[in-house]
Amino acid sequence: MELVVRFLIGGAVVSIFAILGDGLKPKSFAGLVGAAPSIALATISLTVLKNGRSYADIEARSMIIGAIAFLIYACLVSRILLRYRSSVVLTTALSLAVWVLSALGLWYLTSA
C-alpha cells in the first residue's frame, strides 16, 4: 500500500512541477524545476506520514543544507569555467570538495 501512495503522491507532485516548469525559459531549466522540488516535497510528505514530524524536520533541514551547498558549488564551478576556461571534468571534480565542506559546515552550524 505504501508503494501505491508513493507512486500517486510522487506522480502528482512531479506533474504539477512539470507543468509549472514548462512555462519557463530556457527549456533546460524546466527539468531542474520539475525534478528536485517535487521529489523533495513527496519525500517529506511521506516521511511525515511514516516517521512523524520530528524525523521529517531533520530530513527537510538536510535537504536545505544540501541545496545551499550545491548552490555554492555551482557558483564556484561556473565562475571558474567562465573566467579561466579550464577543464570541465577537472574543475567539477576538484570543486566537489567545496560541496562536501560546505554541507558539513552548514550541518555543524545548524545542529549546534
PDB file of N, CA and C in Angstrom:
ATOM      1  N   MET A   1       0.823  -1.202   0.000  1.00  0.00           N
ATOM      2  CA  MET A   1       0.000   0.000   0.000  1.00  0.00           C
ATOM      3  C   MET A   1       0.864   1.262   0.000  1.00  0.00           C
ATOM      4  N   GLU A   2       1.988   1.195   0.743  1.00  0.00           N
ATOM      5  CA  GLU A   2       2.873   2.364   0.797  1.00  0.00           C
ATOM      6  C   GLU A   2       3.424   2.706  -0.578  1.00  0.00           C
ATOM      7  N   LEU A   3       3.730   1.683  -1.381  1.00  0.00           N
ATOM      8  CA  LEU A   3       4.251   1.938  -2.720  1.00  0.00           C
ATOM      9  C   LEU A   3       3.211   2.641  -3.598  1.00  0.00           C
ATOM     10  N   VAL A   4       1.965   2.281  -3.443  1.00  0.00           N
ATOM     11  CA  VAL A   4       0.893   2.928  -4.211  1.00  0.00           C
ATOM     12  C   VAL A   4       0.788   4.397  -3.820  1.00  0.00           C
ATOM     13  N   VAL A   5       0.847   4.676  -2.515  1.00  0.00           N
ATOM     14  CA  VAL A   5       0.782   6.059  -2.037  1.00  0.00           C
ATOM     15  C   VAL A   5       1.980   6.844  -2.554  1.00  0.00           C
ATOM     16  N   ARG A   6       3.159   6.253  -2.484  1.00  0.00           N
ATOM     17  CA  ARG A   6       4.363   6.924  -3.002  1.00  0.00           C
ATOM     18  C   ARG A   6       4.213   7.245  -4.485  1.00  0.00           C
ATOM     19  N   PHE A   7       3.711   6.284  -5.225  1.00  0.00           N
ATOM     20  CA  PHE A   7       3.538   6.470  -6.660  1.00  0.00           C
ATOM     21  C   PHE A   7       2.556   7.604  -6.949  1.00  0.00           C
ATOM     22  N   LEU A   8       1.438   7.600  -6.265  1.00  0.00           N
ATOM     23  CA  LEU A   8       0.404   8.615  -6.514  1.00  0.00           C
ATOM     24  C   LEU A   8       0.858  10.012  -6.101  1.00  0.00           C
ATOM     25  N   ILE A   9       1.419  10.137  -4.902  1.00  0.00           N
ATOM     26  CA  ILE A   9       1.887  11.449  -4.441  1.00  0.00           C
ATOM     27  C   ILE A   9       3.042  11.942  -5.305  1.00  0.00           C
ATOM     28  N   GLY A  10       4.005  11.070  -5.537  1.00  0.00           N
ATOM     29  CA  GLY A  10       5.161  11.457  -6.352  1.00  0.00           C
ATOM     30  C   GLY A  10       4.766  11.849  -7.756  1.00  0.00           C
ATOM     31  N   GLY A  11       3.891  11.058  -8.373  1.00  0.00           N
ATOM     32  CA  GLY A  11       3.447  11.364  -9.732  1.00  0.00           C
ATOM     33  C   GLY A  11       2.684  12.673  -9.814  1.00  0.00           C
ATOM     34  N   ALA A  12       1.821  12.912  -8.832  1.00  0.00           N
ATOM     35  CA  ALA A  12       1.042  14.152  -8.831  1.00  0.00           C
ATOM     36  C   ALA A  12       1.942  15.372  -8.655  1.00  0.00           C
ATOM     37  N   VAL A  13       2.862  15.289  -7.710  1.00  0.00           N
ATOM     38  CA  VAL A  13       3.735  16.443  -7.444  1.00  0.00           C
ATOM     39  C   VAL A  13       4.680  16.693  -8.617  1.00  0.00           C
ATOM     40  N   VAL A  14       5.246  15.627  -9.190  1.00  0.00           N
ATOM     41  CA  VAL A  14       6.130  15.792 -10.350  1.00  0.00           C
ATOM     42  C   VAL A  14       5.354  16.402 -11.511  1.00  0.00           C
ATOM     43  N   SER A  15       4.128  15.961 -11.721  1.00  0.00           N
ATOM     44  CA  SER A  15       3.309  16.508 -12.812  1.00  0.00           C
ATOM     45  C   SER A  15       3.029  17.989 -12.621  1.00  0.00           C
ATOM     46  N   ILE A  16       2.721  18.393 -11.399  1.00  0.00           N
ATOM     47  CA  ILE A  16       2.454  19.810 -11.118  1.00  0.00           C
ATOM     48  C   ILE A  16       3.687  20.654 -11.405  1.00  0.00           C
ATOM     49  N   PHE A  17       4.841  20.209 -10.930  1.00  0.00           N
ATOM     50  CA  PHE A  17       6.063  20.975 -11.176  1.00  0.00           C
ATOM     51  C   PHE A  17       6.463  20.941 -12.649  1.00  0.00           C
ATOM     52  N   ALA A  18       6.175  19.860 -13.351  1.00  0.00           N
ATOM     53  CA  ALA A  18       6.471  19.802 -14.782  1.00  0.00           C
ATOM     54  C   ALA A  18       5.633  20.822 -15.546  1.00  0.00           C
ATOM     55  N   ILE A  19       4.374  20.961 -15.147  1.00  0.00           N
ATOM     56  CA  ILE A  19       3.511  21.958 -15.792  1.00  0.00           C
ATOM     57  C   ILE A  19       4.031  23.366 -15.517  1.00  0.00           C
ATOM     58  N   LEU A  20       4.422  23.623 -14.268  1.00  0.00           N
ATOM     59  CA  LEU A  20       4.988  24.940 -13.935  1.00  0.00           C
ATOM     60  C   LEU A  20       6.295  25.185 -14.687  1.00  0.00           C
ATOM     61  N   GLY A  21       7.144  24.161 -14.736  1.00  0.00           N
ATOM     62  CA  GLY A  21       8.435  24.301 -15.403  1.00  0.00           C
ATOM     63  C   GLY A  21       8.317  24.459 -16.905  1.00  0.00           C
ATOM     64  N   ASP A  22       7.235  23.959 -17.484  1.00  0.00           N
ATOM     65  CA  ASP A  22       7.053  24.045 -18.929  1.00  0.00           C
ATOM     66  C   ASP A  22       6.934  25.490 -19.401  1.00  0.00           C
ATOM     67  N   GLY A  23       6.468  26.358 -18.535  1.00  0.00           N
ATOM     68  CA  GLY A  23       6.327  27.762 -18.899  1.00  0.00           C
ATOM     69  C   GLY A  23       7.615  28.556 -18.781  1.00  0.00           C
ATOM     70  N   LEU A  24       8.644  27.961 -18.231  1.00  0.00           N
ATOM     71  CA  LEU A  24       9.905  28.687 -18.023  1.00  0.00           C
ATOM     72  C   LEU A  24      10.793  28.649 -19.257  1.00  0.00           C
ATOM     73  N   LYS A  25      11.632  29.633 -19.365  1.00  0.00           N
ATOM     74  CA  LYS A  25      12.624  29.703 -20.433  1.00  0.00           C
ATOM     75  C   LYS A  25      13.994  29.791 -19.791  1.00  0.00           C
ATOM     76  N   PRO A  26      15.028  29.176 -20.235  1.00  0.00           N
ATOM     77  CA  PRO A  26      15.077  28.173 -21.292  1.00  0.00           C
ATOM     78  C   PRO A  26      14.471  26.857 -20.838  1.00  0.00           C
ATOM     79  N   LYS A  27      14.168  26.014 -21.804  1.00  0.00           N
ATOM     80  CA  LYS A  27      13.510  24.747 -21.501  1.00  0.00           C
ATOM     81  C   LYS A  27      14.391  23.821 -20.668  1.00  0.00           C
ATOM     82  N   SER A  28      15.704  23.961 -20.744  1.00  0.00           N
ATOM     83  CA  SER A  28      16.586  23.118 -19.935  1.00  0.00           C
ATOM     84  C   SER A  28      16.398  23.390 -18.444  1.00  0.00           C
ATOM     85  N   PHE A  29      15.968  24.595 -18.098  1.00  0.00           N
ATOM     86  CA  PHE A  29      15.713  24.947 -16.712  1.00  0.00           C
ATOM     87  C   PHE A  29      14.457  24.254 -16.193  1.00  0.00           C
ATOM     88  N   ALA A  30      13.541  23.946 -17.094  1.00  0.00           N
ATOM     89  CA  ALA A  30      12.281  23.311 -16.701  1.00  0.00           C
ATOM     90  C   ALA A  30      12.520  21.950 -16.070  1.00  0.00           C
ATOM     91  N   GLY A  31      13.508  21.211 -16.526  1.00  0.00           N
ATOM     92  CA  GLY A  31      13.818  19.902 -15.943  1.00  0.00           C
ATOM     93  C   GLY A  31      14.260  20.007 -14.506  1.00  0.00           C
ATOM     94  N   LEU A  32      15.054  21.016 -14.211  1.00  0.00           N
ATOM     95  CA  LEU A  32      15.514  21.223 -12.841  1.00  0.00           C
ATOM     96  C   LEU A  32      14.353  21.574 -11.926  1.00  0.00           C
ATOM     97  N   VAL A  33      13.472  22.433 -12.394  1.00  0.00           N
ATOM     98  CA  VAL A  33      12.313  22.839 -11.606  1.00  0.00           C
ATOM     99  C   VAL A  33      11.352  21.664 -11.434  1.00  0.00           C
ATOM    100  N   GLY A  34      11.249  20.821 -12.435  1.00  0.00           N
ATOM    101  CA  GLY A  34      10.328  19.704 -12.372  1.00  0.00           C
ATOM    102  C   GLY A  34      10.777  18.567 -11.490  1.00  0.00           C
ATOM    103  N   ALA A  35      12.061  18.365 -11.352  1.00  0.00           N
ATOM    104  CA  ALA A  35      12.544  17.178 -10.654  1.00  0.00           C
ATOM    105  C   ALA A  35      12.791  17.394  -9.165  1.00  0.00           C
ATOM    106  N   ALA A  36      13.757  18.195  -8.828  1.00  0.00           N
ATOM    107  CA  ALA A  36      14.218  18.277  -7.436  1.00  0.00           C
ATOM    108  C   ALA A  36      13.155  18.707  -6.436  1.00  0.00           C
ATOM    109  N   PRO A  37      12.461  19.805  -6.637  1.00  0.00           N
ATOM    110  CA  PRO A  37      11.478  20.209  -5.621  1.00  0.00           C
ATOM    111  C   PRO A  37      10.333  19.218  -5.472  1.00  0.00           C
ATOM    112  N   SER A  38       9.897  18.649  -6.578  1.00  0.00           N
ATOM    113  CA  SER A  38       8.765  17.734  -6.495  1.00  0.00           C
ATOM    114  C   SER A  38       9.133  16.464  -5.755  1.00  0.00           C
ATOM    115  N   ILE A  39      10.315  15.952  -6.000  1.00  0.00           N
ATOM    116  CA  ILE A  39      10.756  14.749  -5.295  1.00  0.00           C
ATOM    117  C   ILE A  39      10.980  15.061  -3.822  1.00  0.00           C
ATOM    118  N   ALA A  40      11.528  16.223  -3.531  1.00  0.00           N
ATOM    119  CA  ALA A  40      11.739  16.609  -2.131  1.00  0.00           C
ATOM    120  C   ALA A  40      10.407  16.727  -1.388  1.00  0.00           C
ATOM    121  N   LEU A  41       9.423  17.370  -2.000  1.00  0.00           N
ATOM    122  CA  LEU A  41       8.115  17.519  -1.349  1.00  0.00           C
ATOM    123  C   LEU A  41       7.431  16.169  -1.142  1.00  0.00           C
ATOM    124  N   ALA A  42       7.509  15.310  -2.133  1.00  0.00           N
ATOM    125  CA  ALA A  42       6.905  13.984  -1.987  1.00  0.00           C
ATOM    126  C   ALA A  42       7.605  13.197  -0.886  1.00  0.00           C
ATOM    127  N   THR A  43       8.921  13.284  -0.830  1.00  0.00           N
ATOM    128  CA  THR A  43       9.679  12.569   0.192  1.00  0.00           C
ATOM    129  C   THR A  43       9.332  13.075   1.581  1.00  0.00           C
ATOM    130  N   ILE A  44       9.277  14.382   1.751  1.00  0.00           N
ATOM    131  CA  ILE A  44       8.945  14.953   3.063  1.00  0.00           C
ATOM    132  C   ILE A  44       7.527  14.574   3.471  1.00  0.00           C
ATOM    133  N   SER A  45       6.589  14.624   2.531  1.00  0.00           N
ATOM    134  CA  SER A  45       5.202  14.250   2.848  1.00  0.00           C
ATOM    135  C   SER A  45       5.113  12.811   3.330  1.00  0.00           C
ATOM    136  N   LEU A  46       5.772  11.924   2.627  1.00  0.00           N
ATOM    137  CA  LEU A  46       5.744  10.521   3.026  1.00  0.00           C
ATOM    138  C   LEU A  46       6.493  10.283   4.331  1.00  0.00           C
ATOM    139  N   THR A  47       7.558  11.016   4.559  1.00  0.00           N
ATOM    140  CA  THR A  47       8.304  10.884   5.803  1.00  0.00           C
ATOM    141  C   THR A  47       7.458  11.313   6.992  1.00  0.00           C
ATOM    142  N   VAL A  48       6.700  12.391   6.835  1.00  0.00           N
ATOM    143  CA  VAL A  48       5.807  12.833   7.917  1.00  0.00           C
ATOM    144  C   VAL A  48       4.785  11.748   8.220  1.00  0.00           C
ATOM    145  N   LEU A  49       4.204  11.166   7.176  1.00  0.00           N
ATOM    146  CA  LEU A  49       3.187  10.140   7.381  1.00  0.00           C
ATOM    147  C   LEU A  49       3.754   8.884   8.038  1.00  0.00           C
ATOM    148  N   LYS A  50       4.978   8.525   7.667  1.00  0.00           N
ATOM    149  CA  LYS A  50       5.552   7.270   8.156  1.00  0.00           C
ATOM    150  C   LYS A  50       6.307   7.420   9.476  1.00  0.00           C
ATOM    151  N   ASN A  51       7.096   8.471   9.621  1.00  0.00           N
ATOM    152  CA  ASN A  51       8.002   8.593  10.771  1.00  0.00           C
ATOM    153  C   ASN A  51       7.703   9.768  11.684  1.00  0.00           C
ATOM    154  N   GLY A  52       6.773  10.626  11.329  1.00  0.00           N
ATOM    155  CA  GLY A  52       6.433  11.757  12.178  1.00  0.00           C
ATOM    156  C   GLY A  52       7.140  13.037  11.787  1.00  0.00           C
ATOM    157  N   ARG A  53       6.688  14.118  12.411  1.00  0.00           N
ATOM    158  CA  ARG A  53       7.174  15.455  12.047  1.00  0.00           C
ATOM    159  C   ARG A  53       8.612  15.709  12.479  1.00  0.00           C
ATOM    160  N   SER A  54       9.020  15.199  13.637  1.00  0.00           N
ATOM    161  CA  SER A  54      10.378  15.490  14.109  1.00  0.00           C
ATOM    162  C   SER A  54      11.429  14.851  13.204  1.00  0.00           C
ATOM    163  N   TYR A  55      11.154  13.647  12.727  1.00  0.00           N
ATOM    164  CA  TYR A  55      12.082  12.996  11.804  1.00  0.00           C
ATOM    165  C   TYR A  55      12.094  13.727  10.457  1.00  0.00           C
ATOM    166  N   ALA A  56      10.916  14.134   9.999  1.00  0.00           N
ATOM    167  CA  ALA A  56      10.821  14.872   8.734  1.00  0.00           C
ATOM    168  C   ALA A  56      11.532  16.215   8.826  1.00  0.00           C
ATOM    169  N   ASP A  57      11.550  16.810  10.031  1.00  0.00           N
ATOM    170  CA  ASP A  57      12.268  18.063  10.237  1.00  0.00           C
ATOM    171  C   ASP A  57      13.758  17.890   9.941  1.00  0.00           C
ATOM    172  N   ILE A  58      14.314  16.806  10.419  1.00  0.00           N
ATOM    173  CA  ILE A  58      15.738  16.524  10.164  1.00  0.00           C
ATOM    174  C   ILE A  58      15.980  16.298   8.673  1.00  0.00           C
ATOM    175  N   GLU A  59      15.076  15.562   8.038  1.00  0.00           N
ATOM    176  CA  GLU A  59      15.198  15.310   6.598  1.00  0.00           C
ATOM    177  C   GLU A  59      15.113  16.612   5.797  1.00  0.00           C
ATOM    178  N   ALA A  60      14.169  17.472   6.147  1.00  0.00           N
ATOM    179  CA  ALA A  60      13.994  18.739   5.432  1.00  0.00           C
ATOM    180  C   ALA A  60      15.211  19.636   5.622  1.00  0.00           C
ATOM    181  N   ARG A  61      15.715  19.689   6.843  1.00  0.00           N
ATOM    182  CA  ARG A  61      16.911  20.502   7.103  1.00  0.00           C
ATOM    183  C   ARG A  61      18.089  19.988   6.290  1.00  0.00           C
ATOM    184  N   SER A  62      18.220  18.682   6.185  1.00  0.00           N
ATOM    185  CA  SER A  62      19.304  18.101   5.398  1.00  0.00           C
ATOM    186  C   SER A  62      19.176  18.463   3.923  1.00  0.00           C
ATOM    187  N   MET A  63      17.956  18.455   3.410  1.00  0.00           N
ATOM    188  CA  MET A  63      17.732  18.826   2.010  1.00  0.00           C
ATOM    189  C   MET A  63      18.086  20.292   1.762  1.00  0.00           C
ATOM    190  N   ILE A  64      17.701  21.154   2.689  1.00  0.00           N
ATOM    191  CA  ILE A  64      18.002  22.582   2.547  1.00  0.00           C
ATOM    192  C   ILE A  64      19.503  22.816   2.592  1.00  0.00           C
ATOM    193  N   ILE A  65      20.174  22.166   3.519  1.00  0.00           N
ATOM    194  CA  ILE A  65      21.630  22.305   3.623  1.00  0.00           C
ATOM    195  C   ILE A  65      22.307  21.809   2.352  1.00  0.00           C
ATOM    196  N   GLY A  66      21.854  20.667   1.838  1.00  0.00           N
ATOM    197  CA  GLY A  66      22.421  20.139   0.597  1.00  0.00           C
ATOM    198  C   GLY A  66      22.205  21.077  -0.571  1.00  0.00           C
ATOM    199  N   ALA A  67      21.040  21.713  -0.634  1.00  0.00           N
ATOM    200  CA  ALA A  67      20.745  22.653  -1.721  1.00  0.00           C
ATOM    201  C   ALA A  67      21.623  23.899  -1.632  1.00  0.00           C
ATOM    202  N   ILE A  68      21.808  24.419  -0.428  1.00  0.00           N
ATOM    203  CA  ILE A  68      22.673  25.595  -0.256  1.00  0.00           C
ATOM    204  C   ILE A  68      24.111  25.255  -0.619  1.00  0.00           C
ATOM    205  N   ALA A  69      24.578  24.084  -0.173  1.00  0.00           N
ATOM    206  CA  ALA A  69      25.938  23.653  -0.508  1.00  0.00           C
ATOM    207  C   ALA A  69      26.090  23.466  -2.017  1.00  0.00           C
ATOM    208  N   PHE A  70      25.061  22.934  -2.662  1.00  0.00           N
ATOM    209  CA  PHE A  70      25.111  22.772  -4.115  1.00  0.00           C
ATOM    210  C   PHE A  70      25.144  24.116  -4.824  1.00  0.00           C
ATOM    211  N   LEU A  71      24.403  25.087  -4.316  1.00  0.00           N
ATOM    212  CA  LEU A  71      24.425  26.423  -4.904  1.00  0.00           C
ATOM    213  C   LEU A  71      25.831  27.018  -4.824  1.00  0.00           C
ATOM    214  N   ILE A  72      26.477  26.863  -3.684  1.00  0.00           N
ATOM    215  CA  ILE A  72      27.857  27.346  -3.525  1.00  0.00           C
ATOM    216  C   ILE A  72      28.760  26.654  -4.534  1.00  0.00           C
ATOM    217  N   TYR A  73      28.630  25.338  -4.652  1.00  0.00           N
ATOM    218  CA  TYR A  73      29.418  24.549  -5.596  1.00  0.00           C
ATOM    219  C   TYR A  73      29.176  25.001  -7.040  1.00  0.00           C
ATOM    220  N   ALA A  74      27.904  25.160  -7.410  1.00  0.00           N
ATOM    221  CA  ALA A  74      27.567  25.542  -8.783  1.00  0.00           C
ATOM    222  C   ALA A  74      28.086  26.934  -9.124  1.00  0.00           C
ATOM    223  N   CYS A  75      27.993  27.864  -8.172  1.00  0.00           N
ATOM    224  CA  CYS A  75      28.517  29.222  -8.406  1.00  0.00           C
ATOM    225  C   CYS A  75      30.026  29.193  -8.594  1.00  0.00           C
ATOM    226  N   LEU A  76      30.707  28.412  -7.766  1.00  0.00           N
ATOM    227  CA  LEU A  76      32.164  28.308  -7.882  1.00  0.00           C
ATOM    228  C   LEU A  76      32.564  27.699  -9.222  1.00  0.00           C
ATOM    229  N   VAL A  77      31.936  26.598  -9.590  1.00  0.00           N
ATOM    230  CA  VAL A  77      32.278  25.926 -10.847  1.00  0.00           C
ATOM    231  C   VAL A  77      32.020  26.843 -12.037  1.00  0.00           C
ATOM    232  N   SER A  78      30.870  27.496 -12.066  1.00  0.00           N
ATOM    233  CA  SER A  78      30.571  28.358 -13.210  1.00  0.00           C
ATOM    234  C   SER A  78      31.528  29.540 -13.284  1.00  0.00           C
ATOM    235  N   ARG A  79      31.885  30.074 -12.138  1.00  0.00           N
ATOM    236  CA  ARG A  79      32.836  31.200 -12.128  1.00  0.00           C
ATOM    237  C   ARG A  79      34.209  30.777 -12.645  1.00  0.00           C
ATOM    238  N   ILE A  80      34.681  29.629 -12.176  1.00  0.00           N
ATOM    239  CA  ILE A  80      35.988  29.135 -12.633  1.00  0.00           C
ATOM    240  C   ILE A  80      35.957  28.839 -14.126  1.00  0.00           C
ATOM    241  N   LEU A  81      34.909  28.180 -14.586  1.00  0.00           N
ATOM    242  CA  LEU A  81      34.845  27.816 -16.004  1.00  0.00           C
ATOM    243  C   LEU A  81      34.724  29.038 -16.907  1.00  0.00           C
ATOM    244  N   LEU A  82      33.985  30.040 -16.479  1.00  0.00           N
ATOM    245  CA  LEU A  82      33.851  31.242 -17.300  1.00  0.00           C
ATOM    246  C   LEU A  82      35.105  32.106 -17.284  1.00  0.00           C
ATOM    247  N   ARG A  83      35.742  32.174 -16.148  1.00  0.00           N
ATOM    248  CA  ARG A  83      36.890  33.056 -16.027  1.00  0.00           C
ATOM    249  C   ARG A  83      38.177  32.441 -16.580  1.00  0.00           C
ATOM    250  N   TYR A  84      38.417  31.159 -16.295  1.00  0.00           N
ATOM    251  CA  TYR A  84      39.715  30.562 -16.615  1.00  0.00           C
ATOM    252  C   TYR A  84      39.672  29.560 -17.760  1.00  0.00           C
ATOM    253  N   ARG A  85      38.500  29.224 -18.252  1.00  0.00           N
ATOM    254  CA  ARG A  85      38.366  28.274 -19.360  1.00  0.00           C
ATOM    255  C   ARG A  85      39.140  26.979 -19.084  1.00  0.00           C
ATOM    256  N   SER A  86      39.023  26.461 -17.884  1.00  0.00           N
ATOM    257  CA  SER A  86      39.717  25.236 -17.506  1.00  0.00           C
ATOM    258  C   SER A  86      38.905  24.003 -17.903  1.00  0.00           C
ATOM    259  N   SER A  87      39.467  22.847 -17.650  1.00  0.00           N
ATOM    260  CA  SER A  87      38.818  21.579 -17.962  1.00  0.00           C
ATOM    261  C   SER A  87      37.555  21.407 -17.107  1.00  0.00           C
ATOM    262  N   VAL A  88      36.460  21.044 -17.750  1.00  0.00           N
ATOM    263  CA  VAL A  88      35.197  20.877 -17.035  1.00  0.00           C
ATOM    264  C   VAL A  88      35.287  19.720 -16.042  1.00  0.00           C
ATOM    265  N   VAL A  89      35.841  18.603 -16.485  1.00  0.00           N
ATOM    266  CA  VAL A  89      35.937  17.429 -15.616  1.00  0.00           C
ATOM    267  C   VAL A  89      36.821  17.724 -14.409  1.00  0.00           C
ATOM    268  N   LEU A  90      37.958  18.331 -14.632  1.00  0.00           N
ATOM    269  CA  LEU A  90      38.877  18.640 -13.540  1.00  0.00           C
ATOM    270  C   LEU A  90      38.260  19.660 -12.577  1.00  0.00           C
ATOM    271  N   THR A  91      37.650  20.688 -13.117  1.00  0.00           N
ATOM    272  CA  THR A  91      37.049  21.727 -12.274  1.00  0.00           C
ATOM    273  C   THR A  91      35.925  21.176 -11.418  1.00  0.00           C
ATOM    274  N   THR A  92      35.023  20.420 -12.032  1.00  0.00           N
ATOM    275  CA  THR A  92      33.905  19.877 -11.259  1.00  0.00           C
ATOM    276  C   THR A  92      34.366  18.845 -10.241  1.00  0.00           C
ATOM    277  N   ALA A  93      35.334  18.025 -10.609  1.00  0.00           N
ATOM    278  CA  ALA A  93      35.828  17.004  -9.682  1.00  0.00           C
ATOM    279  C   ALA A  93      36.514  17.640  -8.472  1.00  0.00           C
ATOM    280  N   LEU A  94      37.362  18.612  -8.715  1.00  0.00           N
ATOM    281  CA  LEU A  94      38.070  19.254  -7.608  1.00  0.00           C
ATOM    282  C   LEU A  94      37.136  20.105  -6.752  1.00  0.00           C
ATOM    283  N   SER A  95      36.129  20.671  -7.373  1.00  0.00           N
ATOM    284  CA  SER A  95      35.198  21.520  -6.635  1.00  0.00           C
ATOM    285  C   SER A  95      34.222  20.725  -5.769  1.00  0.00           C
ATOM    286  N   LEU A  96      34.152  19.424  -5.953  1.00  0.00           N
ATOM    287  CA  LEU A  96      33.292  18.604  -5.096  1.00  0.00           C
ATOM    288  C   LEU A  96      33.699  18.716  -3.637  1.00  0.00           C
ATOM    289  N   ALA A  97      34.978  18.951  -3.396  1.00  0.00           N
ATOM    290  CA  ALA A  97      35.437  19.149  -2.012  1.00  0.00           C
ATOM    291  C   ALA A  97      34.757  20.369  -1.398  1.00  0.00           C
ATOM    292  N   VAL A  98      34.513  21.391  -2.197  1.00  0.00           N
ATOM    293  CA  VAL A  98      33.815  22.587  -1.706  1.00  0.00           C
ATOM    294  C   VAL A  98      32.388  22.235  -1.311  1.00  0.00           C
ATOM    295  N   TRP A  99      31.722  21.410  -2.126  1.00  0.00           N
ATOM    296  CA  TRP A  99      30.365  20.996  -1.796  1.00  0.00           C
ATOM    297  C   TRP A  99      30.336  20.227  -0.472  1.00  0.00           C
ATOM    298  N   VAL A 100      31.241  19.278  -0.330  1.00  0.00           N
ATOM    299  CA  VAL A 100      31.287  18.464   0.891  1.00  0.00           C
ATOM    300  C   VAL A 100      31.579  19.334   2.108  1.00  0.00           C
ATOM    301  N   LEU A 101      32.579  20.199   2.000  1.00  0.00           N
ATOM    302  CA  LEU A 101      32.930  21.060   3.134  1.00  0.00           C
ATOM    303  C   LEU A 101      31.804  22.043   3.461  1.00  0.00           C
ATOM    304  N   SER A 102      31.141  22.561   2.446  1.00  0.00           N
ATOM    305  CA  SER A 102      30.012  23.464   2.683  1.00  0.00           C
ATOM    306  C   SER A 102      28.875  22.735   3.391  1.00  0.00           C
ATOM    307  N   ALA A 103      28.549  21.552   2.914  1.00  0.00           N
ATOM    308  CA  ALA A 103      27.455  20.782   3.512  1.00  0.00           C
ATOM    309  C   ALA A 103      27.784  20.411   4.960  1.00  0.00           C
ATOM    310  N   LEU A 104      29.004  19.935   5.198  1.00  0.00           N
ATOM    311  CA  LEU A 104      29.390  19.566   6.565  1.00  0.00           C
ATOM    312  C   LEU A 104      29.427  20.783   7.482  1.00  0.00           C
ATOM    313  N   GLY A 105      29.940  21.897   6.983  1.00  0.00           N
ATOM    314  CA  GLY A 105      29.983  23.110   7.781  1.00  0.00           C
ATOM    315  C   GLY A 105      28.611  23.633   8.123  1.00  0.00           C
ATOM    316  N   LEU A 106      27.711  23.639   7.149  1.00  0.00           N
ATOM    317  CA  LEU A 106      26.340  24.085   7.405  1.00  0.00           C
ATOM    318  C   LEU A 106      25.617  23.136   8.355  1.00  0.00           C
ATOM    319  N   TRP A 107      25.869  21.852   8.206  1.00  0.00           N
ATOM    320  CA  TRP A 107      25.244  20.874   9.109  1.00  0.00           C
ATOM    321  C   TRP A 107      25.724  21.103  10.545  1.00  0.00           C
ATOM    322  N   TYR A 108      27.025  21.350  10.681  1.00  0.00           N
ATOM    323  CA  TYR A 108      27.578  21.587  12.005  1.00  0.00           C
ATOM    324  C   TYR A 108      26.972  22.860  12.623  1.00  0.00           C
ATOM    325  N   LEU A 109      26.840  23.907  11.830  1.00  0.00           N
ATOM    326  CA  LEU A 109      26.280  25.166  12.326  1.00  0.00           C
ATOM    327  C   LEU A 109      24.810  25.033  12.741  1.00  0.00           C
ATOM    328  N   THR A 110      24.055  24.237  12.006  1.00  0.00           N
ATOM    329  CA  THR A 110      22.633  24.116  12.312  1.00  0.00           C
ATOM    330  C   THR A 110      22.336  23.102  13.396  1.00  0.00           C
ATOM    331  N   SER A 111      23.246  22.179  13.671  1.00  0.00           N
ATOM    332  CA  SER A 111      22.960  21.203  14.712  1.00  0.00           C
ATOM    333  C   SER A 111      23.549  21.597  16.058  1.00  0.00           C
ATOM    334  N   ALA A 112      24.274  22.660  16.104  1.00  0.00           N
ATOM    335  CA  ALA A 112      24.869  23.074  17.388  1.00  0.00           C
ATOM    336  C   ALA A 112      23.876  23.782  18.267  1.00  0.00           C
TER     337      ALA A 112
END
